[in-house]
Amino acid sequence: MSKTSEEKVIPAEVIQIVGRTGIAGEVIQVRVRVLDGKDKGRILTRNVKGSVRMNDILMLRKTEREARKIK
């Protein structure tokens, strides 16, 4: 099996849209609640490229990483 098929993804629900970041504002910073796995219930700040709305489900590869806060 290849490495990509063995990777576990963890669902997380968008609970807050913090704001836009990046040079041209192409990245959206969101707060998500992890729905499964060892970090179930944990709230993280993540950067998302592309359109995203409240209550969307994101599939995260890692739940250890957290984005820096927007100043």
Protein backbone atom coordinates (compact mmCIF):
# COMPACT_ATOMS: atom_id res chain seq x y z
CA MET A 1 0.00 0.00 0.00
CA SER A 2 1.09 3.55 -0.63
CA LYS A 3 1.68 6.08 2.12
CA THR A 4 -1.36 8.19 1.16
CA SER A 5 -3.85 5.34 1.46
CA GLU A 6 -2.59 4.54 4.99
CA GLU A 7 -2.88 8.15 6.23
CA LYS A 8 -5.65 8.63 8.74
CA VAL A 9 -7.78 11.75 8.40
CA ILE A 10 -9.69 13.26 11.29
CA PRO A 11 -12.95 15.20 10.79
CA ALA A 12 -13.26 18.65 12.38
CA GLU A 13 -16.23 21.05 12.34
CA VAL A 14 -15.78 24.78 11.69
CA ILE A 15 -17.16 26.65 14.72
CA GLN A 16 -15.79 30.16 14.08
CA ILE A 17 -14.29 32.12 11.19
CA VAL A 18 -11.54 34.31 12.64
CA GLY A 19 -10.47 36.28 9.56
CA ARG A 20 -8.39 36.41 6.41
CA THR A 21 -4.61 36.18 6.30
CA GLY A 22 -1.88 35.73 3.72
CA ILE A 23 -0.35 38.31 1.38
CA ALA A 24 -3.53 38.70 -0.71
CA GLY A 25 -6.03 37.47 1.89
CA GLU A 26 -6.35 34.10 0.19
CA VAL A 27 -6.16 32.11 3.43
CA ILE A 28 -8.99 32.02 5.98
CA GLN A 29 -8.21 31.38 9.64
CA VAL A 30 -10.87 29.27 11.37
CA ARG A 31 -11.47 27.62 14.75
CA VAL A 32 -12.46 23.96 14.49
CA ARG A 33 -13.67 21.30 16.94
CA VAL A 34 -12.13 17.87 16.40
CA LEU A 35 -14.90 15.26 16.05
CA ASP A 36 -12.92 12.00 16.23
CA GLY A 37 -9.61 10.46 17.29
CA LYS A 38 -7.44 10.98 20.33
CA ASP A 39 -8.04 14.76 20.36
CA LYS A 40 -11.85 14.49 20.17
CA GLY A 41 -13.50 17.68 21.48
CA ARG A 42 -10.32 19.77 21.25
CA ILE A 43 -10.64 23.20 19.62
CA LEU A 44 -7.86 24.24 17.22
CA THR A 45 -7.05 27.29 15.10
CA ARG A 46 -6.22 26.34 11.51
CA ASN A 47 -5.55 28.13 8.22
CA VAL A 48 -7.71 27.05 5.27
CA LYS A 49 -7.18 27.87 1.62
CA GLY A 50 -10.41 28.05 -0.35
CA SER A 51 -13.98 28.80 0.55
CA VAL A 52 -15.22 27.70 3.95
CA ARG A 53 -18.41 28.35 5.94
CA MET A 54 -19.66 27.75 9.46
CA ASN A 55 -20.48 24.08 10.24
CA ASP A 56 -18.35 22.79 7.34
CA ILE A 57 -16.47 19.58 8.06
CA LEU A 58 -12.72 19.69 7.37
CA MET A 59 -10.65 16.53 7.07
CA LEU A 60 -7.38 17.11 8.96
CA ARG A 61 -4.28 14.99 8.56
CA LYS A 62 -2.76 16.19 11.83
CA THR A 63 -4.37 17.61 14.96
CA GLU A 64 -1.11 18.48 16.72
CA ARG A 65 -0.43 21.61 14.65
CA GLU A 66 -2.10 24.92 15.35
CA ALA A 67 -1.91 28.16 13.35
CA ARG A 68 -0.47 31.35 14.80
CA LYS A 69 -3.05 33.96 15.77
CA ILE A 70 -3.79 36.84 13.39
CA LYS A 71 -2.50 40.16 14.75
